[in-house]
Amino acid sequence: MNCNIESVIIRELKQHDDSRGWLIELFRNDEIGSLINPAMSYVSMTKPGVTRGPHEHHEQTDFFCFIGPSIFRLYLWDNRPNSSTYNHRYVGDFGENNKVAVIIPPGIVHAYKNIGECNGLVYNSPNKLYAGINRQEPVDEIRYENNPNSPFVIGE
């Protein structure tokens, strides 16, 4: 899948169905190579109509997987002054019927909103530990959601 922001990768995830149910491979080292080396993994549940973000990281690369059961609107802004796509914005809808993994490098402001009608799950396997080893380091986040002057505005 195409994204107009340099270094952001959006990969379609394939669902494999059989008589027992289904399986989706979120990542494989032979497919993503050195693009990300996950340090941890978590799943979050977001209620319909709720937005997470926008925020960005100085060093962390996120590896989000949107597989459903709801639909999420993903917002990305390139906030890297030295990038060829500086100030570019991207919006895409992912989840139940459009399963993807998204690699979001440092300096990309990101947010997502559950635009579906049910609770939705998002998986993330970032390359940095939240708050470092034993949660003893500052959190690598620049948060914009409570800044009324932020240029990173979530649309409908």
Protein backbone atom coordinates (compact mmCIF):
# COMPACT_ATOMS: atom_id res chain seq x y z
CA MET A 1 0.00 0.00 0.00
CA ASN A 2 1.17 3.46 -0.77
CA CYS A 3 1.81 6.22 1.78
CA ASN A 4 2.86 9.72 0.76
CA ILE A 5 5.22 10.06 3.76
CA GLU A 6 8.87 9.03 3.45
CA SER A 7 9.88 5.95 5.50
CA VAL A 8 6.33 5.07 6.57
CA ILE A 9 5.46 1.54 5.47
CA ILE A 10 1.92 0.19 5.25
CA ARG A 11 1.71 -3.57 4.60
CA GLU A 12 -1.44 -5.52 3.90
CA LEU A 13 -1.95 -8.36 6.37
CA LYS A 14 -3.36 -11.61 5.03
CA GLN A 15 -5.92 -13.58 6.98
CA HIS A 16 -5.67 -17.37 6.64
CA ASP A 17 -9.00 -19.09 7.30
CA ASP A 18 -9.70 -22.76 7.92
CA SER A 19 -12.26 -24.88 9.73
CA ARG A 20 -10.78 -23.93 13.15
CA GLY A 21 -10.94 -20.16 12.63
CA TRP A 22 -8.30 -17.81 11.26
CA LEU A 23 -4.66 -16.73 11.69
CA ILE A 24 -2.88 -13.49 10.75
CA GLU A 25 0.92 -13.17 10.84
CA LEU A 26 1.59 -9.71 12.25
CA PHE A 27 5.27 -9.65 11.33
CA ARG A 28 8.05 -11.91 10.11
CA ASN A 29 11.74 -11.03 10.22
CA ASP A 30 12.16 -12.30 6.67
CA GLU A 31 9.61 -9.74 5.46
CA ILE A 32 10.41 -6.66 7.53
CA GLY A 33 14.15 -7.31 7.93
CA SER A 34 15.92 -4.51 9.75
CA LEU A 35 13.01 -2.06 9.46
CA ILE A 36 12.08 -2.72 13.07
CA ASN A 37 13.35 -4.93 15.85
CA PRO A 38 10.51 -5.09 18.41
CA ALA A 39 11.47 -4.63 22.07
CA MET A 40 7.98 -5.21 23.47
CA SER A 41 4.43 -5.81 22.35
CA TYR A 42 1.02 -4.76 23.60
CA VAL A 43 -2.60 -4.63 22.60
CA SER A 44 -4.98 -1.77 23.35
CA MET A 45 -8.74 -1.56 23.13
CA THR A 46 -10.28 1.69 21.92
CA LYS A 47 -13.98 2.44 22.24
CA PRO A 48 -16.03 3.76 19.29
CA GLY A 49 -15.52 7.47 18.69
CA VAL A 50 -12.34 7.64 20.82
CA THR A 51 -9.04 9.03 19.52
CA ARG A 52 -5.54 8.14 20.72
CA GLY A 53 -2.90 10.80 20.01
CA PRO A 54 -1.64 12.76 18.28
CA HIS A 55 1.90 12.27 19.52
CA GLU A 56 5.36 11.49 18.17
CA HIS A 57 8.57 9.89 19.35
CA HIS A 58 12.20 11.10 19.28
CA GLU A 59 13.69 7.61 18.93
CA GLN A 60 10.94 5.01 18.95
CA THR A 61 9.57 3.32 15.84
CA ASP A 62 6.05 1.95 16.21
CA PHE A 63 4.74 -1.17 14.49
CA PHE A 64 0.95 -0.91 14.64
CA CYS A 65 -1.37 -3.67 13.42
CA PHE A 66 -4.98 -2.84 12.67
CA ILE A 67 -6.96 -6.07 12.17
CA GLY A 68 -10.40 -5.34 13.60
CA PRO A 69 -12.99 -6.01 14.74
CA SER A 70 -13.62 -2.29 14.25
CA ILE A 71 -12.38 0.33 11.78
CA PHE A 72 -9.73 2.91 12.62
CA ARG A 73 -8.86 6.16 10.89
CA LEU A 74 -5.09 6.60 11.02
CA TYR A 75 -3.63 10.12 10.85
CA LEU A 76 0.06 10.75 10.07
CA TRP A 77 2.00 14.00 9.76
CA ASP A 78 5.67 14.24 8.77
CA ASN A 79 7.25 16.51 11.39
CA ARG A 80 10.89 15.90 10.32
CA PRO A 81 12.34 19.14 8.89
CA ASN A 82 15.01 17.25 6.89
CA SER A 83 12.53 14.86 5.27
CA SER A 84 11.56 15.16 1.60
CA THR A 85 7.93 14.85 2.74
CA TYR A 86 8.11 17.36 5.62
CA ASN A 87 4.61 18.69 6.49
CA HIS A 88 2.88 16.02 4.40
CA ARG A 89 -0.26 14.50 5.91
CA TYR A 90 -1.74 11.06 5.39
CA VAL A 91 -5.15 9.67 6.40
CA GLY A 92 -6.27 6.07 5.88
CA ASP A 93 -8.96 3.73 7.19
CA PHE A 94 -7.87 0.30 8.40
CA GLY A 95 -9.18 -2.63 10.39
CA GLU A 96 -11.84 -5.27 9.87
CA ASN A 97 -11.98 -5.16 6.06
CA ASN A 98 -8.55 -3.63 5.42
CA LYS A 99 -6.05 -5.34 7.73
CA VAL A 100 -2.61 -3.71 7.79
CA ALA A 101 0.65 -3.34 9.67
CA VAL A 102 2.10 0.18 9.73
CA ILE A 103 5.72 1.05 10.52
CA ILE A 104 5.90 4.62 11.87
CA PRO A 105 9.44 5.99 12.36
CA PRO A 106 10.51 8.71 14.82
CA GLY A 107 9.37 12.22 13.92
CA ILE A 108 6.07 11.11 12.39
CA VAL A 109 3.18 12.50 14.43
CA HIS A 110 0.47 9.86 14.60
CA ALA A 111 -3.03 9.34 15.93
CA TYR A 112 -5.90 6.98 15.32
CA LYS A 113 -9.62 7.13 15.94
CA ASN A 114 -12.06 4.25 16.21
CA ILE A 115 -14.63 5.20 13.58
CA GLY A 116 -16.44 1.87 13.79
CA GLU A 117 -19.42 0.84 15.88
CA CYS A 118 -17.71 -1.61 18.25
CA ASN A 119 -14.65 -1.75 20.49
CA GLY A 120 -11.50 -2.12 18.41
CA LEU A 121 -8.14 -3.73 19.10
CA VAL A 122 -4.77 -2.32 17.99
CA TYR A 123 -1.51 -4.22 18.40
CA ASN A 124 1.83 -2.44 18.70
CA SER A 125 5.35 -3.86 18.81
CA PRO A 126 7.63 -0.82 19.18
CA ASN A 127 11.40 -1.05 19.02
CA LYS A 128 11.85 0.67 22.42
CA LEU A 129 10.66 -0.27 25.88
CA TYR A 130 8.05 2.08 27.32
CA ALA A 131 9.94 4.22 29.87
CA GLY A 132 13.10 2.14 29.33
CA ILE A 133 14.42 -0.82 31.29
CA ASN A 134 12.38 -1.34 34.46
CA ARG A 135 10.44 1.82 33.53
CA GLN A 136 13.29 3.98 34.87
CA GLU A 137 13.72 6.39 31.91
CA PRO A 138 11.72 9.32 30.56
CA VAL A 139 8.91 8.33 28.22
CA ASP A 140 9.82 9.00 24.57
CA GLU A 141 6.71 10.96 23.60
CA ILE A 142 5.81 14.44 22.54
CA ARG A 143 2.08 14.75 23.10
CA TYR A 144 -0.13 17.19 21.17
CA GLU A 145 -3.69 16.19 22.06
CA ASN A 146 -4.08 18.83 24.79
CA ASN A 147 -2.29 21.63 22.92
CA PRO A 148 -4.92 24.02 21.50
CA ASN A 149 -2.29 25.55 19.15
CA SER A 150 -1.15 22.22 17.71
CA PRO A 151 -1.09 21.99 13.91
CA PHE A 152 -1.90 18.28 14.23
CA VAL A 153 -5.69 18.32 14.19
CA ILE A 154 -7.86 15.24 13.97
CA GLY A 155 -10.57 15.59 11.34
CA GLU A 156 -13.71 13.58 10.94
